[in-house]
PDB file of all heavy atoms in Angstrom:
ATOM      1  N   GLN A   1       0.934  -1.117   0.062  1.00  0.00           N
ATOM      2  CA  GLN A   1      -0.054   0.014  -0.012  1.00  0.00           C
ATOM      3  C   GLN A   1       0.859   1.207   0.098  1.00  0.00           C
ATOM      4  O   GLN A   1       1.713   1.398   0.825  1.00  0.00           O
ATOM      5  CB  GLN A   1      -0.878   0.024   1.150  1.00  0.00           C
ATOM      6  CG  GLN A   1      -2.012  -1.059   1.300  1.00  0.00           C
ATOM      7  CD  GLN A   1      -2.713  -1.050   2.542  1.00  0.00           C
ATOM      8  OE1 GLN A   1      -2.220  -0.636   3.623  1.00  0.00           O
ATOM      9  NE2 GLN A   1      -3.923  -1.679   2.500  1.00  0.00           N
ATOM     10  N   GLY A   2       0.709   2.208  -0.970  1.00  0.00           N
ATOM     11  CA  GLY A   2       1.394   3.325  -1.007  1.00  0.00           C
ATOM     12  C   GLY A   2       2.852   3.248  -1.101  1.00  0.00           C
ATOM     13  O   GLY A   2       3.643   3.979  -0.527  1.00  0.00           O
ATOM     14  N   GLY A   3       3.467   2.215  -1.776  1.00  0.00           N
ATOM     15  CA  GLY A   3       4.861   2.069  -1.966  1.00  0.00           C
ATOM     16  C   GLY A   3       5.505   1.432  -0.696  1.00  0.00           C
ATOM     17  O   GLY A   3       6.776   1.248  -0.651  1.00  0.00           O
ATOM     18  N   LEU A   4       4.752   1.030   0.271  1.00  0.00           N
ATOM     19  CA  LEU A   4       5.292   0.311   1.514  1.00  0.00           C
ATOM     20  C   LEU A   4       4.655  -1.077   1.571  1.00  0.00           C
ATOM     21  O   LEU A   4       3.637  -1.300   1.095  1.00  0.00           O
ATOM     22  CB  LEU A   4       4.933   1.109   2.735  1.00  0.00           C
ATOM     23  CG  LEU A   4       5.661   2.446   2.878  1.00  0.00           C
ATOM     24  CD1 LEU A   4       5.135   3.202   4.103  1.00  0.00           C
ATOM     25  CD2 LEU A   4       7.177   2.270   2.975  1.00  0.00           C
ATOM     26  N   MET A   5       5.380  -2.016   2.090  1.00  0.00           N
ATOM     27  CA  MET A   5       4.767  -3.339   2.435  1.00  0.00           C
ATOM     28  C   MET A   5       4.212  -3.324   3.853  1.00  0.00           C
ATOM     29  O   MET A   5       5.078  -3.353   4.759  1.00  0.00           O
ATOM     30  CB  MET A   5       5.826  -4.383   2.240  1.00  0.00           C
ATOM     31  CG  MET A   5       5.224  -5.855   2.174  1.00  0.00           C
ATOM     32  SD  MET A   5       4.141  -6.094   0.738  1.00  0.00           S
ATOM     33  CE  MET A   5       5.326  -6.114  -0.690  1.00  0.00           C
ATOM     34  N   HIS A   6       3.026  -3.380   4.012  1.00  0.00           N
ATOM     35  CA  HIS A   6       2.286  -3.349   5.296  1.00  0.00           C
ATOM     36  C   HIS A   6       2.120  -4.833   5.815  1.00  0.00           C
ATOM     37  O   HIS A   6       1.911  -5.813   5.056  1.00  0.00           O
ATOM     38  CB  HIS A   6       0.995  -2.705   5.337  1.00  0.00           C
ATOM     39  CG  HIS A   6       1.110  -1.287   4.996  1.00  0.00           C
ATOM     40  ND1 HIS A   6       0.959  -0.196   6.000  1.00  0.00           N
ATOM     41  CD2 HIS A   6       1.427  -0.428   3.844  1.00  0.00           C
ATOM     42  CE1 HIS A   6       1.077   0.936   5.518  1.00  0.00           C
ATOM     43  NE2 HIS A   6       1.483   0.943   4.214  1.00  0.00           N
ATOM     44  N   VAL A   7       2.203  -4.971   7.165  1.00  0.00           N
ATOM     45  CA  VAL A   7       1.951  -6.229   7.699  1.00  0.00           C
ATOM     46  C   VAL A   7       0.761  -6.174   8.741  1.00  0.00           C
ATOM     47  O   VAL A   7       0.751  -5.152   9.541  1.00  0.00           O
ATOM     48  CB  VAL A   7       3.146  -6.690   8.555  1.00  0.00           C
ATOM     49  CG1 VAL A   7       2.988  -8.084   9.169  1.00  0.00           C
ATOM     50  CG2 VAL A   7       4.403  -6.608   7.786  1.00  0.00           C
ATOM     51  N   LYS A   8      -0.205  -7.010   8.614  1.00  0.00           N
ATOM     52  CA  LYS A   8      -1.339  -7.104   9.507  1.00  0.00           C
ATOM     53  C   LYS A   8      -1.321  -8.478  10.018  1.00  0.00           C
ATOM     54  O   LYS A   8      -1.479  -9.493   9.253  1.00  0.00           O
ATOM     55  CB  LYS A   8      -2.682  -6.704   8.726  1.00  0.00           C
ATOM     56  CG  LYS A   8      -2.608  -5.318   8.226  1.00  0.00           C
ATOM     57  CD  LYS A   8      -3.871  -4.979   7.472  1.00  0.00           C
ATOM     58  CE  LYS A   8      -3.843  -3.498   7.007  1.00  0.00           C
ATOM     59  NZ  LYS A   8      -5.166  -3.118   6.371  1.00  0.00           N
ATOM     60  N   SER A   9      -1.481  -8.629  11.300  1.00  0.00           N
ATOM     61  CA  SER A   9      -1.377  -9.879  11.998  1.00  0.00           C
ATOM     62  C   SER A   9      -2.585 -10.061  12.981  1.00  0.00           C
ATOM     63  O   SER A   9      -2.954  -8.890  13.692  1.00  0.00           O
ATOM     64  CB  SER A   9      -0.126 -10.212  12.735  1.00  0.00           C
ATOM     65  OG  SER A   9       1.000 -10.120  11.764  1.00  0.00           O
ATOM     66  N   MET A  10      -3.131 -11.113  13.240  1.00  0.00           N
ATOM     67  CA  MET A  10      -4.121 -11.471  14.220  1.00  0.00           C
ATOM     68  C   MET A  10      -3.671 -12.708  15.036  1.00  0.00           C
ATOM     69  O   MET A  10      -3.112 -13.580  14.562  1.00  0.00           O
ATOM     70  CB  MET A  10      -5.454 -11.713  13.602  1.00  0.00           C
ATOM     71  CG  MET A  10      -6.042 -10.369  12.941  1.00  0.00           C
ATOM     72  SD  MET A  10      -7.721 -10.661  12.446  1.00  0.00           S
ATOM     73  CE  MET A  10      -8.123  -8.984  11.725  1.00  0.00           C
ATOM     74  N   GLU A  11      -3.982 -12.563  16.264  1.00  0.00           N
ATOM     75  CA  GLU A  11      -3.675 -13.702  17.255  1.00  0.00           C
ATOM     76  C   GLU A  11      -4.885 -13.942  18.077  1.00  0.00           C
ATOM     77  O   GLU A  11      -5.428 -13.052  18.707  1.00  0.00           O
ATOM     78  CB  GLU A  11      -2.551 -13.241  18.106  1.00  0.00           C
ATOM     79  CG  GLU A  11      -1.964 -14.302  19.008  1.00  0.00           C
ATOM     80  CD  GLU A  11      -0.687 -13.769  19.752  1.00  0.00           C
ATOM     81  OE1 GLU A  11      -0.805 -12.899  20.573  1.00  0.00           O
ATOM     82  OE2 GLU A  11       0.455 -14.174  19.329  1.00  0.00           O
ATOM     83  N   ARG A  12      -5.252 -15.317  18.174  1.00  0.00           N
ATOM     84  CA  ARG A  12      -6.370 -15.741  18.950  1.00  0.00           C
ATOM     85  C   ARG A  12      -5.905 -16.701  19.923  1.00  0.00           C
ATOM     86  O   ARG A  12      -5.334 -17.780  19.534  1.00  0.00           O
ATOM     87  CB  ARG A  12      -7.493 -16.408  18.085  1.00  0.00           C
ATOM     88  CG  ARG A  12      -8.568 -15.415  17.541  1.00  0.00           C
ATOM     89  CD  ARG A  12      -9.459 -16.211  16.707  1.00  0.00           C
ATOM     90  NE  ARG A  12     -10.739 -15.499  16.620  1.00  0.00           N
ATOM     91  CZ  ARG A  12     -11.753 -16.015  15.906  1.00  0.00           C
ATOM     92  NH1 ARG A  12     -11.688 -17.231  15.293  1.00  0.00           N
ATOM     93  NH2 ARG A  12     -12.943 -15.369  15.920  1.00  0.00           N
ATOM     94  N   LEU A  13      -6.005 -16.461  21.233  1.00  0.00           N
ATOM     95  CA  LEU A  13      -5.493 -17.356  22.221  1.00  0.00           C
ATOM     96  C   LEU A  13      -6.579 -17.723  23.130  1.00  0.00           C
ATOM     97  O   LEU A  13      -7.255 -16.825  23.742  1.00  0.00           O
ATOM     98  CB  LEU A  13      -4.283 -16.791  22.916  1.00  0.00           C
ATOM     99  CG  LEU A  13      -3.113 -16.471  22.080  1.00  0.00           C
ATOM    100  CD1 LEU A  13      -2.082 -15.657  22.896  1.00  0.00           C
ATOM    101  CD2 LEU A  13      -2.491 -17.753  21.566  1.00  0.00           C
ATOM    102  N   ARG A  14      -6.886 -19.073  23.256  1.00  0.00           N
ATOM    103  CA  ARG A  14      -7.878 -19.337  24.286  1.00  0.00           C
ATOM    104  C   ARG A  14      -7.346 -20.446  25.238  1.00  0.00           C
ATOM    105  O   ARG A  14      -6.610 -21.287  24.870  1.00  0.00           O
ATOM    106  CB  ARG A  14      -9.054 -20.086  23.576  1.00  0.00           C
ATOM    107  CG  ARG A  14      -9.778 -19.065  22.531  1.00  0.00           C
ATOM    108  CD  ARG A  14     -11.041 -19.955  21.989  1.00  0.00           C
ATOM    109  NE  ARG A  14     -11.655 -19.101  20.955  1.00  0.00           N
ATOM    110  CZ  ARG A  14     -11.499 -19.104  19.680  1.00  0.00           C
ATOM    111  NH1 ARG A  14     -10.543 -19.809  19.201  1.00  0.00           N
ATOM    112  NH2 ARG A  14     -12.181 -18.302  18.847  1.00  0.00           N
ATOM    113  N   ASP A  15      -7.735 -20.181  26.548  1.00  0.00           N
ATOM    114  CA  ASP A  15      -7.375 -21.136  27.637  1.00  0.00           C
ATOM    115  C   ASP A  15      -8.572 -21.249  28.570  1.00  0.00           C
ATOM    116  O   ASP A  15      -8.705 -20.692  29.549  1.00  0.00           O
ATOM    117  CB  ASP A  15      -6.111 -20.539  28.412  1.00  0.00           C
ATOM    118  CG  ASP A  15      -5.694 -21.455  29.494  1.00  0.00           C
ATOM    119  OD1 ASP A  15      -6.306 -22.537  29.683  1.00  0.00           O
ATOM    120  OD2 ASP A  15      -4.651 -21.228  30.173  1.00  0.00           O
ATOM    121  N   PRO A  16      -9.624 -22.140  28.130  1.00  0.00           N
ATOM    122  CA  PRO A  16     -10.693 -22.309  28.878  1.00  0.00           C
ATOM    123  C   PRO A  16     -10.572 -22.631  30.357  1.00  0.00           C
ATOM    124  O   PRO A  16     -11.300 -22.230  31.125  1.00  0.00           O
ATOM    125  CB  PRO A  16     -11.412 -23.464  28.067  1.00  0.00           C
ATOM    126  CG  PRO A  16     -10.906 -23.481  26.771  1.00  0.00           C
ATOM    127  CD  PRO A  16      -9.433 -23.044  26.909  1.00  0.00           C
ATOM    128  N   GLY A  17      -9.603 -23.441  30.645  1.00  0.00           N
ATOM    129  CA  GLY A  17      -9.338 -23.775  31.948  1.00  0.00           C
ATOM    130  C   GLY A  17      -8.979 -22.670  32.884  1.00  0.00           C
ATOM    131  O   GLY A  17      -9.416 -22.736  34.092  1.00  0.00           O
ATOM    132  N   ASN A  18      -8.420 -21.587  32.409  1.00  0.00           N
ATOM    133  CA  ASN A  18      -8.107 -20.487  33.097  1.00  0.00           C
ATOM    134  C   ASN A  18      -9.009 -19.186  32.834  1.00  0.00           C
ATOM    135  O   ASN A  18      -8.773 -18.086  33.184  1.00  0.00           O
ATOM    136  CB  ASN A  18      -6.640 -20.030  33.004  1.00  0.00           C
ATOM    137  CG  ASN A  18      -5.704 -21.075  33.643  1.00  0.00           C
ATOM    138  OD1 ASN A  18      -5.829 -21.439  34.848  1.00  0.00           O
ATOM    139  ND2 ASN A  18      -4.819 -21.644  32.859  1.00  0.00           N
ATOM    140  N   GLY A  19      -9.939 -19.493  31.964  1.00  0.00           N
ATOM    141  CA  GLY A  19     -10.951 -18.495  31.582  1.00  0.00           C
ATOM    142  C   GLY A  19     -10.339 -17.250  30.713  1.00  0.00           C
ATOM    143  O   GLY A  19     -10.690 -16.246  30.820  1.00  0.00           O
ATOM    144  N   ILE A  20      -9.351 -17.751  29.846  1.00  0.00           N
ATOM    145  CA  ILE A  20      -8.593 -16.709  29.170  1.00  0.00           C
ATOM    146  C   ILE A  20      -9.072 -16.748  27.678  1.00  0.00           C
ATOM    147  O   ILE A  20      -9.100 -17.966  27.048  1.00  0.00           O
ATOM    148  CB  ILE A  20      -7.101 -16.917  29.130  1.00  0.00           C
ATOM    149  CG1 ILE A  20      -6.656 -16.659  30.558  1.00  0.00           C
ATOM    150  CG2 ILE A  20      -6.313 -15.984  28.095  1.00  0.00           C
ATOM    151  CD1 ILE A  20      -5.119 -17.032  30.729  1.00  0.00           C
ATOM    152  N   GLN A  21      -9.450 -15.720  27.031  1.00  0.00           N
ATOM    153  CA  GLN A  21      -9.822 -15.642  25.634  1.00  0.00           C
ATOM    154  C   GLN A  21      -9.175 -14.290  25.159  1.00  0.00           C
ATOM    155  O   GLN A  21      -9.805 -13.241  25.435  1.00  0.00           O
ATOM    156  CB  GLN A  21     -11.289 -15.793  25.432  1.00  0.00           C
ATOM    157  CG  GLN A  21     -11.614 -15.727  23.932  1.00  0.00           C
ATOM    158  CD  GLN A  21     -13.020 -16.122  23.596  1.00  0.00           C
ATOM    159  OE1 GLN A  21     -13.548 -16.943  24.299  1.00  0.00           O
ATOM    160  NE2 GLN A  21     -13.699 -15.514  22.700  1.00  0.00           N
ATOM    161  N   GLN A  22      -8.186 -14.316  24.373  1.00  0.00           N
ATOM    162  CA  GLN A  22      -7.533 -13.078  23.949  1.00  0.00           C
ATOM    163  C   GLN A  22      -7.533 -12.974  22.486  1.00  0.00           C
ATOM    164  O   GLN A  22      -7.274 -13.957  21.660  1.00  0.00           O
ATOM    165  CB  GLN A  22      -6.115 -13.179  24.492  1.00  0.00           C
ATOM    166  CG  GLN A  22      -5.268 -11.956  23.992  1.00  0.00           C
ATOM    167  CD  GLN A  22      -3.740 -12.075  24.271  1.00  0.00           C
ATOM    168  OE1 GLN A  22      -3.354 -12.968  24.806  1.00  0.00           O
ATOM    169  NE2 GLN A  22      -3.015 -11.065  23.800  1.00  0.00           N
ATOM    170  N   PHE A  23      -7.899 -11.790  21.886  1.00  0.00           N
ATOM    171  CA  PHE A  23      -7.841 -11.480  20.498  1.00  0.00           C
ATOM    172  C   PHE A  23      -7.020 -10.242  20.338  1.00  0.00           C
ATOM    173  O   PHE A  23      -7.366  -9.179  20.838  1.00  0.00           O
ATOM    174  CB  PHE A  23      -9.276 -11.294  19.925  1.00  0.00           C
ATOM    175  CG  PHE A  23      -9.336 -11.043  18.494  1.00  0.00           C
ATOM    176  CD1 PHE A  23      -9.296 -12.003  17.541  1.00  0.00           C
ATOM    177  CD2 PHE A  23      -9.380  -9.663  18.025  1.00  0.00           C
ATOM    178  CE1 PHE A  23      -9.355 -11.760  16.234  1.00  0.00           C
ATOM    179  CE2 PHE A  23      -9.382  -9.398  16.640  1.00  0.00           C
ATOM    180  CZ  PHE A  23      -9.419 -10.375  15.800  1.00  0.00           C
ATOM    181  N   SER A  24      -5.883 -10.377  19.633  1.00  0.00           N
ATOM    182  CA  SER A  24      -5.012  -9.216  19.425  1.00  0.00           C
ATOM    183  C   SER A  24      -4.779  -8.985  18.012  1.00  0.00           C
ATOM    184  O   SER A  24      -4.750  -9.976  17.232  1.00  0.00           O
ATOM    185  CB  SER A  24      -3.619  -9.507  20.220  1.00  0.00           C
ATOM    186  OG  SER A  24      -3.773  -9.755  21.524  1.00  0.00           O
TER     187      SER A  24
END
């Protein structure tokens, strides 16, 4: 985009045992 190489990342982490659900 616009002469640059952009990076877009997504991270989904779930740990039901510890009640963790993370979306970054």
